[in-house]
Amino acid sequence: MSKKAEKVTLTSATIEEQTAAFLKAGGSVEYVGKGKSGQVAPTGSKQISLKK
């Protein structure tokens, strides 16, 4: 019989605590403008060719 994963409930209080701990430890938050992704693509767009 396998064990079920425990359900973790995040509340605004726990998120605030985690954020405060992150910032206190030297972490920083970067603003990303509306409509932009915060992810950096390592390469250009991937295009595939269906012709051989």
PDB file of N, CA and C in Angstrom:
ATOM      1  N   MET A   1       0.839  -1.170   0.000  1.00  0.00           N
ATOM      2  CA  MET A   1       0.000   0.000   0.000  1.00  0.00           C
ATOM      3  C   MET A   1       0.890   1.242   0.000  1.00  0.00           C
ATOM      4  N   SER A   2       0.635   2.179  -0.905  1.00  0.00           N
ATOM      5  CA  SER A   2       1.461   3.382  -0.974  1.00  0.00           C
ATOM      6  C   SER A   2       0.900   4.481  -0.079  1.00  0.00           C
ATOM      7  N   LYS A   3       1.812   5.321   0.374  1.00  0.00           N
ATOM      8  CA  LYS A   3       1.395   6.437   1.221  1.00  0.00           C
ATOM      9  C   LYS A   3       0.938   7.587   0.339  1.00  0.00           C
ATOM     10  N   LYS A   4      -0.127   8.246   0.736  1.00  0.00           N
ATOM     11  CA  LYS A   4      -0.601   9.410   0.002  1.00  0.00           C
ATOM     12  C   LYS A   4       0.215  10.626   0.419  1.00  0.00           C
ATOM     13  N   ALA A   5       0.454  11.516  -0.537  1.00  0.00           N
ATOM     14  CA  ALA A   5       1.168  12.755  -0.230  1.00  0.00           C
ATOM     15  C   ALA A   5       0.283  13.637   0.627  1.00  0.00           C
ATOM     16  N   GLU A   6       0.911  14.282   1.601  1.00  0.00           N
ATOM     17  CA  GLU A   6       0.153  15.172   2.469  1.00  0.00           C
ATOM     18  C   GLU A   6      -0.212  16.438   1.704  1.00  0.00           C
ATOM     19  N   LYS A   7      -1.415  16.907   1.914  1.00  0.00           N
ATOM     20  CA  LYS A   7      -1.863  18.123   1.253  1.00  0.00           C
ATOM     21  C   LYS A   7      -1.311  19.326   2.009  1.00  0.00           C
ATOM     22  N   VAL A   8      -0.643  20.226   1.275  1.00  0.00           N
ATOM     23  CA  VAL A   8      -0.071  21.425   1.864  1.00  0.00           C
ATOM     24  C   VAL A   8      -0.982  22.597   1.519  1.00  0.00           C
ATOM     25  N   THR A   9      -1.413  23.310   2.540  1.00  0.00           N
ATOM     26  CA  THR A   9      -2.275  24.458   2.336  1.00  0.00           C
ATOM     27  C   THR A   9      -1.468  25.734   2.553  1.00  0.00           C
ATOM     28  N   LEU A  10      -1.401  26.563   1.525  1.00  0.00           N
ATOM     29  CA  LEU A  10      -0.706  27.836   1.640  1.00  0.00           C
ATOM     30  C   LEU A  10      -1.726  28.924   1.923  1.00  0.00           C
ATOM     31  N   THR A  11      -1.482  29.661   2.966  1.00  0.00           N
ATOM     32  CA  THR A  11      -2.343  30.785   3.287  1.00  0.00           C
ATOM     33  C   THR A  11      -1.547  32.065   3.052  1.00  0.00           C
ATOM     34  N   SER A  12      -2.226  33.178   3.040  1.00  0.00           N
ATOM     35  CA  SER A  12      -1.511  34.445   2.837  1.00  0.00           C
ATOM     36  C   SER A  12      -0.502  34.681   3.957  1.00  0.00           C
ATOM     37  N   ALA A  13      -0.796  34.198   5.152  1.00  0.00           N
ATOM     38  CA  ALA A  13       0.133  34.372   6.274  1.00  0.00           C
ATOM     39  C   ALA A  13       1.414  33.575   6.041  1.00  0.00           C
ATOM     40  N   THR A  14       1.309  32.333   5.590  1.00  0.00           N
ATOM     41  CA  THR A  14       2.512  31.530   5.362  1.00  0.00           C
ATOM     42  C   THR A  14       3.301  32.073   4.179  1.00  0.00           C
ATOM     43  N   ILE A  15       2.620  32.577   3.163  1.00  0.00           N
ATOM     44  CA  ILE A  15       3.323  33.164   2.026  1.00  0.00           C
ATOM     45  C   ILE A  15       4.066  34.414   2.475  1.00  0.00           C
ATOM     46  N   GLU A  16       3.444  35.226   3.310  1.00  0.00           N
ATOM     47  CA  GLU A  16       4.105  36.431   3.827  1.00  0.00           C
ATOM     48  C   GLU A  16       5.325  36.058   4.667  1.00  0.00           C
ATOM     49  N   GLU A  17       5.217  35.021   5.486  1.00  0.00           N
ATOM     50  CA  GLU A  17       6.337  34.576   6.315  1.00  0.00           C
ATOM     51  C   GLU A  17       7.491  34.088   5.443  1.00  0.00           C
ATOM     52  N   GLN A  18       7.169  33.299   4.419  1.00  0.00           N
ATOM     53  CA  GLN A  18       8.200  32.778   3.528  1.00  0.00           C
ATOM     54  C   GLN A  18       8.866  33.898   2.739  1.00  0.00           C
ATOM     55  N   THR A  19       8.079  34.869   2.315  1.00  0.00           N
ATOM     56  CA  THR A  19       8.627  36.010   1.573  1.00  0.00           C
ATOM     57  C   THR A  19       9.547  36.832   2.460  1.00  0.00           C
ATOM     58  N   ALA A  20       9.127  37.082   3.699  1.00  0.00           N
ATOM     59  CA  ALA A  20       9.952  37.842   4.632  1.00  0.00           C
ATOM     60  C   ALA A  20      11.269  37.122   4.899  1.00  0.00           C
ATOM     61  N   ALA A  21      11.228  35.803   5.080  1.00  0.00           N
ATOM     62  CA  ALA A  21      12.441  35.028   5.327  1.00  0.00           C
ATOM     63  C   ALA A  21      13.366  35.073   4.110  1.00  0.00           C
ATOM     64  N   PHE A  22      12.790  35.012   2.925  1.00  0.00           N
ATOM     65  CA  PHE A  22      13.571  35.069   1.684  1.00  0.00           C
ATOM     66  C   PHE A  22      14.287  36.411   1.564  1.00  0.00           C
ATOM     67  N   LEU A  23      13.564  37.494   1.813  1.00  0.00           N
ATOM     68  CA  LEU A  23      14.155  38.828   1.710  1.00  0.00           C
ATOM     69  C   LEU A  23      15.204  39.061   2.801  1.00  0.00           C
ATOM     70  N   LYS A  24      14.946  38.554   4.006  1.00  0.00           N
ATOM     71  CA  LYS A  24      15.885  38.710   5.113  1.00  0.00           C
ATOM     72  C   LYS A  24      17.190  37.957   4.831  1.00  0.00           C
ATOM     73  N   ALA A  25      17.084  36.836   4.109  1.00  0.00           N
ATOM     74  CA  ALA A  25      18.261  36.037   3.785  1.00  0.00           C
ATOM     75  C   ALA A  25      19.054  36.631   2.623  1.00  0.00           C
ATOM     76  N   GLY A  26      18.608  37.784   2.110  1.00  0.00           N
ATOM     77  CA  GLY A  26      19.364  38.439   1.043  1.00  0.00           C
ATOM     78  C   GLY A  26      18.766  38.265  -0.337  1.00  0.00           C
ATOM     79  N   GLY A  27      17.620  37.623  -0.421  1.00  0.00           N
ATOM     80  CA  GLY A  27      16.964  37.448  -1.716  1.00  0.00           C
ATOM     81  C   GLY A  27      16.417  38.771  -2.217  1.00  0.00           C
ATOM     82  N   SER A  28      16.163  38.844  -3.499  1.00  0.00           N
ATOM     83  CA  SER A  28      15.608  40.074  -4.050  1.00  0.00           C
ATOM     84  C   SER A  28      14.464  39.729  -4.997  1.00  0.00           C
ATOM     85  N   VAL A  29      13.611  40.708  -5.212  1.00  0.00           N
ATOM     86  CA  VAL A  29      12.457  40.551  -6.088  1.00  0.00           C
ATOM     87  C   VAL A  29      12.649  41.487  -7.266  1.00  0.00           C
ATOM     88  N   GLU A  30      12.501  40.945  -8.463  1.00  0.00           N
ATOM     89  CA  GLU A  30      12.679  41.744  -9.669  1.00  0.00           C
ATOM     90  C   GLU A  30      11.324  41.981 -10.321  1.00  0.00           C
ATOM     91  N   TYR A  31      11.043  43.213 -10.683  1.00  0.00           N
ATOM     92  CA  TYR A  31       9.795  43.556 -11.336  1.00  0.00           C
ATOM     93  C   TYR A  31       9.861  43.162 -12.806  1.00  0.00           C
ATOM     94  N   VAL A  32       8.845  42.468 -13.275  1.00  0.00           N
ATOM     95  CA  VAL A  32       8.736  42.090 -14.677  1.00  0.00           C
ATOM     96  C   VAL A  32       7.505  42.785 -15.222  1.00  0.00           C
ATOM     97  N   GLY A  33       7.683  43.561 -16.259  1.00  0.00           N
ATOM     98  CA  GLY A  33       6.598  44.335 -16.841  1.00  0.00           C
ATOM     99  C   GLY A  33       5.462  43.470 -17.357  1.00  0.00           C
ATOM    100  N   LYS A  34       4.295  44.055 -17.455  1.00  0.00           N
ATOM    101  CA  LYS A  34       3.106  43.353 -17.923  1.00  0.00           C
ATOM    102  C   LYS A  34       3.312  42.886 -19.363  1.00  0.00           C
ATOM    103  N   GLY A  35       2.959  41.644 -19.614  1.00  0.00           N
ATOM    104  CA  GLY A  35       3.070  41.089 -20.951  1.00  0.00           C
ATOM    105  C   GLY A  35       4.431  40.502 -21.271  1.00  0.00           C
ATOM    106  N   LYS A  36       5.349  40.501 -20.302  1.00  0.00           N
ATOM    107  CA  LYS A  36       6.677  39.943 -20.528  1.00  0.00           C
ATOM    108  C   LYS A  36       6.864  38.719 -19.642  1.00  0.00           C
ATOM    109  N   SER A  37       7.702  37.829 -20.092  1.00  0.00           N
ATOM    110  CA  SER A  37       8.001  36.636 -19.320  1.00  0.00           C
ATOM    111  C   SER A  37       9.242  36.881 -18.481  1.00  0.00           C
ATOM    112  N   GLY A  38       9.262  36.317 -17.303  1.00  0.00           N
ATOM    113  CA  GLY A  38      10.431  36.417 -16.451  1.00  0.00           C
ATOM    114  C   GLY A  38      11.478  35.384 -16.800  1.00  0.00           C
ATOM    115  N   GLN A  39      11.141  34.469 -17.712  1.00  0.00           N
ATOM    116  CA  GLN A  39      12.078  33.428 -18.093  1.00  0.00           C
ATOM    117  C   GLN A  39      12.977  33.919 -19.217  1.00  0.00           C
ATOM    118  N   VAL A  40      14.226  33.484 -19.163  1.00  0.00           N
ATOM    119  CA  VAL A  40      15.186  33.827 -20.199  1.00  0.00           C
ATOM    120  C   VAL A  40      15.371  32.607 -21.079  1.00  0.00           C
ATOM    121  N   ALA A  41      15.111  32.769 -22.374  1.00  0.00           N
ATOM    122  CA  ALA A  41      15.265  31.658 -23.307  1.00  0.00           C
ATOM    123  C   ALA A  41      16.749  31.466 -23.613  1.00  0.00           C
ATOM    124  N   PRO A  42      17.297  30.263 -23.391  1.00  0.00           N
ATOM    125  CA  PRO A  42      18.718  30.038 -23.630  1.00  0.00           C
ATOM    126  C   PRO A  42      19.082  30.081 -25.113  1.00  0.00           C
ATOM    127  N   THR A  43      18.137  29.790 -25.985  1.00  0.00           N
ATOM    128  CA  THR A  43      18.381  29.815 -27.427  1.00  0.00           C
ATOM    129  C   THR A  43      17.207  30.499 -28.099  1.00  0.00           C
ATOM    130  N   GLY A  44      17.333  30.689 -29.388  1.00  0.00           N
ATOM    131  CA  GLY A  44      16.254  31.280 -30.168  1.00  0.00           C
ATOM    132  C   GLY A  44      15.080  30.319 -30.260  1.00  0.00           C
ATOM    133  N   SER A  45      14.095  30.706 -31.024  1.00  0.00           N
ATOM    134  CA  SER A  45      12.925  29.846 -31.169  1.00  0.00           C
ATOM    135  C   SER A  45      13.314  28.555 -31.878  1.00  0.00           C
ATOM    136  N   LYS A  46      12.660  27.486 -31.501  1.00  0.00           N
ATOM    137  CA  LYS A  46      12.937  26.190 -32.105  1.00  0.00           C
ATOM    138  C   LYS A  46      11.996  25.985 -33.277  1.00  0.00           C
ATOM    139  N   GLN A  47      12.559  25.746 -34.426  1.00  0.00           N
ATOM    140  CA  GLN A  47      11.758  25.477 -35.605  1.00  0.00           C
ATOM    141  C   GLN A  47      12.088  24.068 -36.060  1.00  0.00           C
ATOM    142  N   ILE A  48      11.078  23.314 -36.383  1.00  0.00           N
ATOM    143  CA  ILE A  48      11.314  21.969 -36.852  1.00  0.00           C
ATOM    144  C   ILE A  48      10.965  21.889 -38.332  1.00  0.00           C
ATOM    145  N   SER A  49      11.637  21.023 -39.012  1.00  0.00           N
ATOM    146  CA  SER A  49      11.368  20.817 -40.434  1.00  0.00           C
ATOM    147  C   SER A  49      10.696  19.456 -40.584  1.00  0.00           C
ATOM    148  N   LEU A  50       9.523  19.460 -41.201  1.00  0.00           N
ATOM    149  CA  LEU A  50       8.812  18.214 -41.404  1.00  0.00           C
ATOM    150  C   LEU A  50       9.270  17.500 -42.666  1.00  0.00           C
ATOM    151  N   LYS A  51      10.026  18.186 -43.500  1.00  0.00           N
ATOM    152  CA  LYS A  51      10.557  17.594 -44.723  1.00  0.00           C
ATOM    153  C   LYS A  51      11.893  16.935 -44.414  1.00  0.00           C
ATOM    154  N   LYS A  52      12.165  15.843 -45.120  1.00  0.00           N
ATOM    155  CA  LYS A  52      13.445  15.161 -44.924  1.00  0.00           C
ATOM    156  C   LYS A  52      14.342  15.367 -46.103  1.00  0.00           C
TER     157      LYS A  52
END
